Amino acid sequence: MKNLKTLAIAASMSLMFACGEKTDVVESGTYTGTINEVEADKSEIYVKTDDGKLLELYFTDSTSLTKNDEKVAFDQLAEGKKVEVDVEKVGNKLDPKAVRILE
């Protein structure tokens, strides 16, 4: 039983610190920022907004990704790229509806 509790605590901690920082949950809306990290195997990005929030965004089948108004592949995302994201707050998570690469 003790090992199970230890495992549960370890799993929780790894989820909390996956990106090394605490992520923020913001209200639904449009935010501009810079990609802080890309986890291609999870279809996930972390975006540091211009006002200092860190957003954790898991792409879904309905997330649109564009650059210059044209659809692009997920591999076009990279650390340091400037993006604009439309997110919908669902409980304590953010669903990215649209991600636009700005540079």
N, C-alpha and C. Protein backbone atom coordinates (compact mmCIF):
# COMPACT_ATOMS: atom_id res chain seq x y z
N MET A 1 0.82 -1.19 0.00
CA MET A 1 0.00 0.00 0.00
C MET A 1 0.87 1.26 0.00
N LYS A 2 1.96 1.21 0.76
CA LYS A 2 2.86 2.35 0.83
C LYS A 2 3.46 2.64 -0.55
N ASN A 3 3.83 1.57 -1.27
CA ASN A 3 4.38 1.75 -2.62
C ASN A 3 3.37 2.38 -3.56
N LEU A 4 2.10 2.02 -3.42
CA LEU A 4 1.05 2.58 -4.26
C LEU A 4 0.89 4.08 -4.00
N LYS A 5 0.94 4.48 -2.74
CA LYS A 5 0.84 5.90 -2.41
C LYS A 5 2.05 6.66 -2.96
N THR A 6 3.22 6.08 -2.82
CA THR A 6 4.43 6.71 -3.34
C THR A 6 4.34 6.87 -4.84
N LEU A 7 3.87 5.84 -5.52
CA LEU A 7 3.72 5.89 -6.97
C LEU A 7 2.71 6.97 -7.38
N ALA A 8 1.61 7.08 -6.67
CA ALA A 8 0.59 8.08 -6.98
C ALA A 8 1.15 9.49 -6.78
N ILE A 9 1.90 9.69 -5.72
CA ILE A 9 2.50 11.00 -5.48
C ILE A 9 3.51 11.33 -6.57
N ALA A 10 4.34 10.37 -6.93
CA ALA A 10 5.34 10.59 -7.98
C ALA A 10 4.67 10.92 -9.31
N ALA A 11 3.61 10.22 -9.65
CA ALA A 11 2.90 10.47 -10.90
C ALA A 11 2.30 11.87 -10.91
N SER A 12 1.72 12.27 -9.80
CA SER A 12 1.13 13.61 -9.69
C SER A 12 2.20 14.68 -9.84
N MET A 13 3.33 14.47 -9.20
CA MET A 13 4.41 15.46 -9.27
C MET A 13 4.95 15.58 -10.69
N SER A 14 5.09 14.44 -11.38
CA SER A 14 5.61 14.51 -12.74
C SER A 14 4.65 15.23 -13.67
N LEU A 15 3.35 15.07 -13.46
CA LEU A 15 2.38 15.80 -14.27
C LEU A 15 2.44 17.30 -13.98
N MET A 16 2.60 17.64 -12.72
CA MET A 16 2.64 19.05 -12.34
C MET A 16 3.87 19.76 -12.89
N PHE A 17 4.97 19.02 -13.01
CA PHE A 17 6.22 19.64 -13.41
C PHE A 17 6.71 19.17 -14.77
N ALA A 18 5.80 18.74 -15.62
CA ALA A 18 6.16 18.21 -16.94
C ALA A 18 6.98 19.21 -17.74
N CYS A 19 6.65 20.44 -17.64
CA CYS A 19 7.36 21.47 -18.39
C CYS A 19 8.37 22.18 -17.51
N GLY A 20 8.46 21.79 -16.26
CA GLY A 20 9.39 22.43 -15.35
C GLY A 20 8.82 23.66 -14.70
N GLU A 21 7.65 24.08 -15.09
CA GLU A 21 7.01 25.26 -14.52
C GLU A 21 5.53 24.98 -14.32
N LYS A 22 4.92 25.75 -13.44
CA LYS A 22 3.49 25.65 -13.24
C LYS A 22 2.78 26.31 -14.43
N THR A 23 1.79 25.63 -14.96
CA THR A 23 1.04 26.20 -16.08
C THR A 23 -0.17 26.95 -15.54
N ASP A 24 -0.68 27.84 -16.37
CA ASP A 24 -1.82 28.67 -15.99
C ASP A 24 -3.06 28.28 -16.78
N VAL A 25 -4.22 28.46 -16.18
CA VAL A 25 -5.49 28.30 -16.86
C VAL A 25 -6.09 29.70 -16.97
N VAL A 26 -6.33 30.12 -18.20
CA VAL A 26 -6.87 31.45 -18.46
C VAL A 26 -8.29 31.32 -18.98
N GLU A 27 -8.97 32.42 -19.08
CA GLU A 27 -10.33 32.44 -19.63
C GLU A 27 -10.27 32.19 -21.14
N SER A 28 -11.36 31.73 -21.70
CA SER A 28 -11.46 31.53 -23.15
C SER A 28 -11.14 32.85 -23.84
N GLY A 29 -10.41 32.77 -24.95
CA GLY A 29 -10.08 33.99 -25.68
C GLY A 29 -8.89 33.78 -26.59
N THR A 30 -8.34 34.89 -27.07
CA THR A 30 -7.19 34.89 -27.97
C THR A 30 -5.99 35.47 -27.25
N TYR A 31 -4.86 34.76 -27.36
CA TYR A 31 -3.63 35.16 -26.67
C TYR A 31 -2.46 35.09 -27.64
N THR A 32 -1.52 36.00 -27.47
CA THR A 32 -0.31 36.03 -28.28
C THR A 32 0.87 35.71 -27.37
N GLY A 33 1.82 34.93 -27.91
CA GLY A 33 2.97 34.59 -27.11
C GLY A 33 4.02 33.85 -27.92
N THR A 34 4.96 33.23 -27.21
CA THR A 34 6.07 32.53 -27.81
C THR A 34 6.05 31.07 -27.36
N ILE A 35 6.31 30.17 -28.28
CA ILE A 35 6.36 28.75 -27.92
C ILE A 35 7.55 28.51 -27.02
N ASN A 36 7.28 27.96 -25.86
CA ASN A 36 8.29 27.67 -24.85
C ASN A 36 8.81 26.24 -24.99
N GLU A 37 7.94 25.33 -25.44
CA GLU A 37 8.31 23.92 -25.58
C GLU A 37 7.33 23.24 -26.53
N VAL A 38 7.83 22.28 -27.30
CA VAL A 38 7.00 21.46 -28.19
C VAL A 38 7.23 20.00 -27.82
N GLU A 39 6.14 19.29 -27.58
CA GLU A 39 6.22 17.84 -27.34
C GLU A 39 5.44 17.16 -28.45
N ALA A 40 6.12 16.89 -29.54
CA ALA A 40 5.48 16.36 -30.75
C ALA A 40 4.79 15.03 -30.51
N ASP A 41 5.39 14.16 -29.68
CA ASP A 41 4.79 12.85 -29.45
C ASP A 41 3.46 12.93 -28.73
N LYS A 42 3.19 14.05 -28.07
CA LYS A 42 1.91 14.24 -27.37
C LYS A 42 1.03 15.26 -28.09
N SER A 43 1.49 15.79 -29.22
CA SER A 43 0.77 16.88 -29.92
C SER A 43 0.47 18.00 -28.94
N GLU A 44 1.49 18.43 -28.24
CA GLU A 44 1.34 19.41 -27.16
C GLU A 44 2.37 20.52 -27.32
N ILE A 45 1.93 21.74 -27.00
CA ILE A 45 2.87 22.86 -26.93
C ILE A 45 2.63 23.64 -25.65
N TYR A 46 3.66 24.33 -25.22
CA TYR A 46 3.57 25.26 -24.10
C TYR A 46 3.84 26.64 -24.68
N VAL A 47 2.94 27.59 -24.40
CA VAL A 47 3.07 28.94 -24.92
C VAL A 47 3.19 29.91 -23.75
N LYS A 48 4.25 30.72 -23.78
CA LYS A 48 4.42 31.79 -22.78
C LYS A 48 3.78 33.03 -23.39
N THR A 49 2.68 33.48 -22.78
CA THR A 49 1.96 34.63 -23.33
C THR A 49 2.73 35.92 -23.10
N ASP A 50 2.35 36.94 -23.84
CA ASP A 50 3.01 38.24 -23.71
C ASP A 50 2.86 38.82 -22.30
N ASP A 51 1.82 38.38 -21.57
CA ASP A 51 1.64 38.88 -20.20
C ASP A 51 2.19 37.91 -19.15
N GLY A 52 3.02 36.93 -19.58
CA GLY A 52 3.74 36.09 -18.65
C GLY A 52 3.07 34.81 -18.19
N LYS A 53 1.95 34.45 -18.76
CA LYS A 53 1.27 33.20 -18.39
C LYS A 53 1.85 32.06 -19.22
N LEU A 54 1.87 30.86 -18.65
CA LEU A 54 2.33 29.68 -19.37
C LEU A 54 1.14 28.78 -19.64
N LEU A 55 0.80 28.62 -20.93
CA LEU A 55 -0.36 27.83 -21.35
C LEU A 55 0.08 26.47 -21.85
N GLU A 56 -0.57 25.42 -21.37
CA GLU A 56 -0.32 24.05 -21.81
C GLU A 56 -1.45 23.68 -22.76
N LEU A 57 -1.11 23.41 -24.02
CA LEU A 57 -2.12 23.19 -25.04
C LEU A 57 -1.92 21.85 -25.74
N TYR A 58 -2.90 20.95 -25.58
CA TYR A 58 -2.91 19.67 -26.27
C TYR A 58 -3.77 19.81 -27.52
N PHE A 59 -3.19 19.59 -28.68
CA PHE A 59 -3.94 19.69 -29.93
C PHE A 59 -4.96 18.57 -30.02
N THR A 60 -6.10 18.88 -30.62
CA THR A 60 -7.14 17.89 -30.88
C THR A 60 -7.33 17.78 -32.39
N ASP A 61 -8.18 16.87 -32.81
CA ASP A 61 -8.46 16.73 -34.24
C ASP A 61 -9.07 17.99 -34.83
N SER A 62 -9.71 18.80 -33.99
CA SER A 62 -10.37 20.00 -34.51
C SER A 62 -9.52 21.27 -34.38
N THR A 63 -8.32 21.17 -33.82
CA THR A 63 -7.44 22.34 -33.71
C THR A 63 -6.91 22.69 -35.10
N SER A 64 -7.10 23.95 -35.50
CA SER A 64 -6.54 24.38 -36.79
C SER A 64 -5.17 25.03 -36.54
N LEU A 65 -4.23 24.72 -37.42
CA LEU A 65 -2.88 25.27 -37.34
C LEU A 65 -2.57 25.91 -38.67
N THR A 66 -2.29 27.22 -38.65
CA THR A 66 -2.06 27.95 -39.89
C THR A 66 -0.84 28.85 -39.79
N LYS A 67 -0.32 29.18 -40.95
CA LYS A 67 0.74 30.19 -41.10
C LYS A 67 0.42 30.93 -42.39
N ASN A 68 0.34 32.24 -42.32
CA ASN A 68 -0.02 33.05 -43.48
C ASN A 68 -1.34 32.59 -44.08
N ASP A 69 -2.31 32.27 -43.22
CA ASP A 69 -3.65 31.84 -43.60
C ASP A 69 -3.70 30.51 -44.37
N GLU A 70 -2.63 29.73 -44.32
CA GLU A 70 -2.62 28.41 -44.95
C GLU A 70 -2.38 27.35 -43.89
N LYS A 71 -3.07 26.20 -44.02
CA LYS A 71 -2.87 25.10 -43.09
C LYS A 71 -1.44 24.58 -43.19
N VAL A 72 -0.86 24.29 -42.02
CA VAL A 72 0.48 23.72 -41.97
C VAL A 72 0.49 22.53 -41.02
N ALA A 73 1.55 21.73 -41.11
CA ALA A 73 1.69 20.55 -40.26
C ALA A 73 2.24 20.93 -38.88
N PHE A 74 1.98 20.06 -37.91
CA PHE A 74 2.43 20.28 -36.53
C PHE A 74 3.95 20.47 -36.46
N ASP A 75 4.70 19.86 -37.37
CA ASP A 75 6.16 19.96 -37.32
C ASP A 75 6.67 21.36 -37.65
N GLN A 76 5.78 22.27 -38.03
CA GLN A 76 6.16 23.66 -38.27
C GLN A 76 6.32 24.45 -36.96
N LEU A 77 5.87 23.85 -35.86
CA LEU A 77 5.97 24.50 -34.56
C LEU A 77 7.35 24.23 -33.96
N ALA A 78 7.94 25.27 -33.37
CA ALA A 78 9.26 25.12 -32.75
C ALA A 78 9.41 26.14 -31.64
N GLU A 79 10.28 25.82 -30.69
CA GLU A 79 10.57 26.75 -29.59
C GLU A 79 10.99 28.09 -30.16
N GLY A 80 10.50 29.16 -29.54
CA GLY A 80 10.88 30.50 -29.94
C GLY A 80 9.99 31.13 -30.99
N LYS A 81 9.12 30.35 -31.62
CA LYS A 81 8.21 30.91 -32.64
C LYS A 81 7.10 31.69 -31.96
N LYS A 82 6.74 32.80 -32.57
CA LYS A 82 5.66 33.64 -32.10
C LYS A 82 4.35 33.08 -32.64
N VAL A 83 3.34 32.95 -31.76
CA VAL A 83 2.04 32.41 -32.16
C VAL A 83 0.90 33.22 -31.55
N GLU A 84 -0.25 33.06 -32.17
CA GLU A 84 -1.50 33.58 -31.63
C GLU A 84 -2.41 32.37 -31.47
N VAL A 85 -3.00 32.22 -30.28
CA VAL A 85 -3.82 31.04 -30.02
C VAL A 85 -5.22 31.46 -29.58
N ASP A 86 -6.21 30.75 -30.11
CA ASP A 86 -7.59 30.87 -29.64
C ASP A 86 -7.84 29.67 -28.77
N VAL A 87 -8.16 29.90 -27.49
CA VAL A 87 -8.37 28.79 -26.56
C VAL A 87 -9.76 28.85 -25.95
N GLU A 88 -10.25 27.67 -25.59
CA GLU A 88 -11.51 27.56 -24.88
C GLU A 88 -11.22 26.89 -23.54
N LYS A 89 -11.63 27.56 -22.48
CA LYS A 89 -11.45 27.00 -21.14
C LYS A 89 -12.53 25.96 -20.90
N VAL A 90 -12.11 24.74 -20.58
CA VAL A 90 -13.03 23.63 -20.29
C VAL A 90 -12.61 23.07 -18.93
N GLY A 91 -13.31 23.48 -17.89
CA GLY A 91 -12.91 23.07 -16.55
C GLY A 91 -11.57 23.68 -16.20
N ASN A 92 -10.60 22.83 -15.89
CA ASN A 92 -9.26 23.30 -15.54
C ASN A 92 -8.25 23.08 -16.65
N LYS A 93 -8.74 22.96 -17.89
CA LYS A 93 -7.82 22.81 -19.00
C LYS A 93 -8.20 23.73 -20.14
N LEU A 94 -7.27 23.89 -21.06
CA LEU A 94 -7.48 24.76 -22.20
C LEU A 94 -7.46 23.93 -23.48
N ASP A 95 -8.49 24.09 -24.30
CA ASP A 95 -8.54 23.44 -25.60
C ASP A 95 -8.16 24.47 -26.66
N PRO A 96 -7.08 24.21 -27.41
CA PRO A 96 -6.74 25.15 -28.48
C PRO A 96 -7.65 24.95 -29.68
N LYS A 97 -8.38 25.98 -30.04
CA LYS A 97 -9.27 25.92 -31.21
C LYS A 97 -8.51 26.27 -32.47
N ALA A 98 -7.61 27.27 -32.37
CA ALA A 98 -6.81 27.69 -33.52
C ALA A 98 -5.45 28.19 -33.03
N VAL A 99 -4.43 27.82 -33.79
CA VAL A 99 -3.07 28.30 -33.53
C VAL A 99 -2.55 28.88 -34.83
N ARG A 100 -2.11 30.13 -34.77
CA ARG A 100 -1.58 30.80 -35.95
C ARG A 100 -0.11 31.13 -35.71
N ILE A 101 0.75 30.63 -36.58
CA ILE A 101 2.18 30.95 -36.49
C ILE A 101 2.36 32.34 -37.09
N LEU A 102 2.94 33.26 -36.32
CA LEU A 102 3.05 34.64 -36.75
C LEU A 102 4.36 34.97 -37.44
N GLU A 103 5.38 34.16 -37.27
CA GLU A 103 6.66 34.46 -37.91
C GLU A 103 7.23 33.25 -38.59
